[in-house]
Amino acid sequence: MEMNDSPPDLSAAAACFAALGSEQRLQVLNTLVRAGPRGLSIGELGARAGVTGSTLTHHMKLLAATGLVQQEKDGRRIICIAAAYERMQELSRFLLKECCADAPDGDHDHG
């Protein structure tokens, strides 16, 4: 998914939300967000997120396909990074951009 100033289209947003449709993938992404821009090695990510082996590889593949995370080689290590903070903000804006647009006047309580 390409980063730009335009909001995600419906199919791109759906792909991102589908990739986040697993507790384990949300845990992996949250762990990477907490780690910051330097990321974590695949081993450290697995240990912190409680997801390892082929399951972690599968989840990383899905998250990377949507552009929410990146994987970079560092010698023999693979570093995983939550690199798409802008994409995550775009997804939030996508959900909220038309908040209360069809609500009767005065009915704009967001909870």
C-alpha atoms as a PDB file:
ATOM      1  CA  MET A   1       0.000   0.000   0.000  1.00  0.00           C
ATOM      2  CA  GLU A   2       1.506   3.277  -1.104  1.00  0.00           C
ATOM      3  CA  MET A   3       1.971   6.144   1.344  1.00  0.00           C
ATOM      4  CA  ASN A   4       0.611   9.461   0.139  1.00  0.00           C
ATOM      5  CA  ASP A   5      -1.545  12.377   1.267  1.00  0.00           C
ATOM      6  CA  SER A   6      -4.823  10.920   0.041  1.00  0.00           C
ATOM      7  CA  PRO A   7      -6.965   8.797   2.341  1.00  0.00           C
ATOM      8  CA  PRO A   8      -7.020   5.056   1.759  1.00  0.00           C
ATOM      9  CA  ASP A   9      -9.658   3.824  -0.635  1.00  0.00           C
ATOM     10  CA  LEU A  10     -12.256   1.396   0.632  1.00  0.00           C
ATOM     11  CA  SER A  11     -10.460  -1.748  -0.583  1.00  0.00           C
ATOM     12  CA  ALA A  12      -7.079  -0.632   0.850  1.00  0.00           C
ATOM     13  CA  ALA A  13      -8.691   0.221   4.191  1.00  0.00           C
ATOM     14  CA  ALA A  14     -10.504  -3.130   4.209  1.00  0.00           C
ATOM     15  CA  ALA A  15      -7.212  -4.964   3.569  1.00  0.00           C
ATOM     16  CA  CYS A  16      -5.573  -3.196   6.502  1.00  0.00           C
ATOM     17  CA  PHE A  17      -8.483  -3.881   8.819  1.00  0.00           C
ATOM     18  CA  ALA A  18      -8.525  -7.529   7.702  1.00  0.00           C
ATOM     19  CA  ALA A  19      -4.815  -7.803   8.510  1.00  0.00           C
ATOM     20  CA  LEU A  20      -5.592  -6.462  11.982  1.00  0.00           C
ATOM     21  CA  GLY A  21      -8.463  -8.912  12.440  1.00  0.00           C
ATOM     22  CA  SER A  22      -6.490 -11.235  14.685  1.00  0.00           C
ATOM     23  CA  GLU A  23      -5.588 -10.807  18.352  1.00  0.00           C
ATOM     24  CA  GLN A  24      -2.106 -12.152  17.640  1.00  0.00           C
ATOM     25  CA  ARG A  25      -1.506  -9.736  14.746  1.00  0.00           C
ATOM     26  CA  LEU A  26      -2.729  -6.841  16.878  1.00  0.00           C
ATOM     27  CA  GLN A  27      -0.330  -7.991  19.602  1.00  0.00           C
ATOM     28  CA  VAL A  28       2.555  -8.170  17.109  1.00  0.00           C
ATOM     29  CA  LEU A  29       1.788  -4.690  15.740  1.00  0.00           C
ATOM     30  CA  ASN A  30       1.345  -3.231  19.230  1.00  0.00           C
ATOM     31  CA  THR A  31       4.674  -4.741  20.288  1.00  0.00           C
ATOM     32  CA  LEU A  32       6.383  -3.128  17.299  1.00  0.00           C
ATOM     33  CA  VAL A  33       4.718   0.237  17.924  1.00  0.00           C
ATOM     34  CA  ARG A  34       5.922   0.104  21.541  1.00  0.00           C
ATOM     35  CA  ALA A  35       9.459  -0.731  20.369  1.00  0.00           C
ATOM     36  CA  GLY A  36       9.701   2.457  18.331  1.00  0.00           C
ATOM     37  CA  PRO A  37      11.464   3.241  15.059  1.00  0.00           C
ATOM     38  CA  ARG A  38      14.463   0.933  15.610  1.00  0.00           C
ATOM     39  CA  GLY A  39      12.165  -2.090  15.646  1.00  0.00           C
ATOM     40  CA  LEU A  40      12.951  -5.515  17.001  1.00  0.00           C
ATOM     41  CA  SER A  41      14.707  -8.585  15.720  1.00  0.00           C
ATOM     42  CA  ILE A  42      12.303 -11.336  14.731  1.00  0.00           C
ATOM     43  CA  GLY A  43      13.433 -13.334  17.790  1.00  0.00           C
ATOM     44  CA  GLU A  44      12.891 -10.440  20.200  1.00  0.00           C
ATOM     45  CA  LEU A  45       9.528  -9.650  18.604  1.00  0.00           C
ATOM     46  CA  GLY A  46       8.411 -13.241  19.044  1.00  0.00           C
ATOM     47  CA  ALA A  47       9.517 -13.312  22.675  1.00  0.00           C
ATOM     48  CA  ARG A  48       7.813 -10.017  23.537  1.00  0.00           C
ATOM     49  CA  ALA A  49       4.615 -10.700  21.594  1.00  0.00           C
ATOM     50  CA  GLY A  50       4.353 -14.341  22.632  1.00  0.00           C
ATOM     51  CA  VAL A  51       4.114 -15.474  19.002  1.00  0.00           C
ATOM     52  CA  THR A  52       6.926 -17.462  17.422  1.00  0.00           C
ATOM     53  CA  GLY A  53       7.957 -19.629  14.505  1.00  0.00           C
ATOM     54  CA  SER A  54       5.824 -20.075  11.432  1.00  0.00           C
ATOM     55  CA  THR A  55       2.866 -18.353  13.131  1.00  0.00           C
ATOM     56  CA  LEU A  56       4.892 -15.154  13.559  1.00  0.00           C
ATOM     57  CA  THR A  57       6.178 -15.429   9.991  1.00  0.00           C
ATOM     58  CA  HIS A  58       2.601 -15.758   8.720  1.00  0.00           C
ATOM     59  CA  HIS A  59       1.405 -12.746  10.723  1.00  0.00           C
ATOM     60  CA  MET A  60       4.368 -10.608   9.628  1.00  0.00           C
ATOM     61  CA  LYS A  61       3.701 -11.495   5.986  1.00  0.00           C
ATOM     62  CA  LEU A  62       0.085 -10.298   6.266  1.00  0.00           C
ATOM     63  CA  LEU A  63       1.019  -7.104   8.114  1.00  0.00           C
ATOM     64  CA  ALA A  64       3.823  -6.335   5.661  1.00  0.00           C
ATOM     65  CA  ALA A  65       1.532  -6.871   2.652  1.00  0.00           C
ATOM     66  CA  THR A  66      -0.638  -3.968   3.850  1.00  0.00           C
ATOM     67  CA  GLY A  67       2.362  -1.749   4.530  1.00  0.00           C
ATOM     68  CA  LEU A  68       1.741  -1.605   8.278  1.00  0.00           C
ATOM     69  CA  VAL A  69       5.149  -3.132   9.060  1.00  0.00           C
ATOM     70  CA  GLN A  70       8.495  -3.558   7.338  1.00  0.00           C
ATOM     71  CA  GLN A  71      11.185  -6.182   7.585  1.00  0.00           C
ATOM     72  CA  GLU A  72      14.836  -5.311   6.967  1.00  0.00           C
ATOM     73  CA  LYS A  73      17.923  -7.519   6.869  1.00  0.00           C
ATOM     74  CA  ASP A  74      20.705  -6.574   9.293  1.00  0.00           C
ATOM     75  CA  GLY A  75      23.439  -9.051   8.578  1.00  0.00           C
ATOM     76  CA  ARG A  76      21.911 -12.396   9.498  1.00  0.00           C
ATOM     77  CA  ARG A  77      19.127 -10.858  11.564  1.00  0.00           C
ATOM     78  CA  ILE A  78      15.714  -9.718  10.386  1.00  0.00           C
ATOM     79  CA  ILE A  79      14.550  -6.471  11.971  1.00  0.00           C
ATOM     80  CA  CYS A  80      10.800  -5.842  12.109  1.00  0.00           C
ATOM     81  CA  ILE A  81       9.534  -2.263  12.279  1.00  0.00           C
ATOM     82  CA  ALA A  82       6.094  -0.720  12.627  1.00  0.00           C
ATOM     83  CA  ALA A  83       6.808   1.740   9.867  1.00  0.00           C
ATOM     84  CA  ALA A  84       3.395   2.942   8.857  1.00  0.00           C
ATOM     85  CA  TYR A  85       2.338   5.319  11.600  1.00  0.00           C
ATOM     86  CA  GLU A  86       0.882   7.587   8.908  1.00  0.00           C
ATOM     87  CA  ARG A  87      -1.138   4.654   7.518  1.00  0.00           C
ATOM     88  CA  MET A  88      -2.530   3.906  10.971  1.00  0.00           C
ATOM     89  CA  GLN A  89      -3.539   7.562  11.340  1.00  0.00           C
ATOM     90  CA  GLU A  90      -5.161   7.438   7.887  1.00  0.00           C
ATOM     91  CA  LEU A  91      -7.197   4.406   8.956  1.00  0.00           C
ATOM     92  CA  SER A  92      -8.415   6.256  12.038  1.00  0.00           C
ATOM     93  CA  ARG A  93      -9.355   9.276   9.944  1.00  0.00           C
ATOM     94  CA  PHE A  94     -11.088   6.953   7.466  1.00  0.00           C
ATOM     95  CA  LEU A  95     -13.324   5.648  10.242  1.00  0.00           C
ATOM     96  CA  LEU A  96     -14.044   9.051  11.752  1.00  0.00           C
ATOM     97  CA  LYS A  97     -14.122  11.407   8.756  1.00  0.00           C
ATOM     98  CA  GLU A  98     -17.880  11.293   8.362  1.00  0.00           C
ATOM     99  CA  CYS A  99     -18.728  10.867  12.018  1.00  0.00           C
ATOM    100  CA  CYS A 100     -22.317  11.928  12.656  1.00  0.00           C
ATOM    101  CA  ALA A 101     -22.751  13.135   9.041  1.00  0.00           C
ATOM    102  CA  ASP A 102     -26.223  11.605   8.848  1.00  0.00           C
ATOM    103  CA  ALA A 103     -27.228  12.271  12.454  1.00  0.00           C
ATOM    104  CA  PRO A 104     -29.996  14.758  13.169  1.00  0.00           C
ATOM    105  CA  ASP A 105     -28.747  18.209  14.219  1.00  0.00           C
ATOM    106  CA  GLY A 106     -27.621  18.253  17.823  1.00  0.00           C
ATOM    107  CA  ASP A 107     -27.066  14.487  17.919  1.00  0.00           C
ATOM    108  CA  HIS A 108     -23.241  14.560  17.725  1.00  0.00           C
ATOM    109  CA  ASP A 109     -22.329  12.885  21.005  1.00  0.00           C
ATOM    110  CA  HIS A 110     -19.187  10.765  20.497  1.00  0.00           C
ATOM    111  CA  GLY A 111     -19.594   8.968  23.789  1.00  0.00           C
END
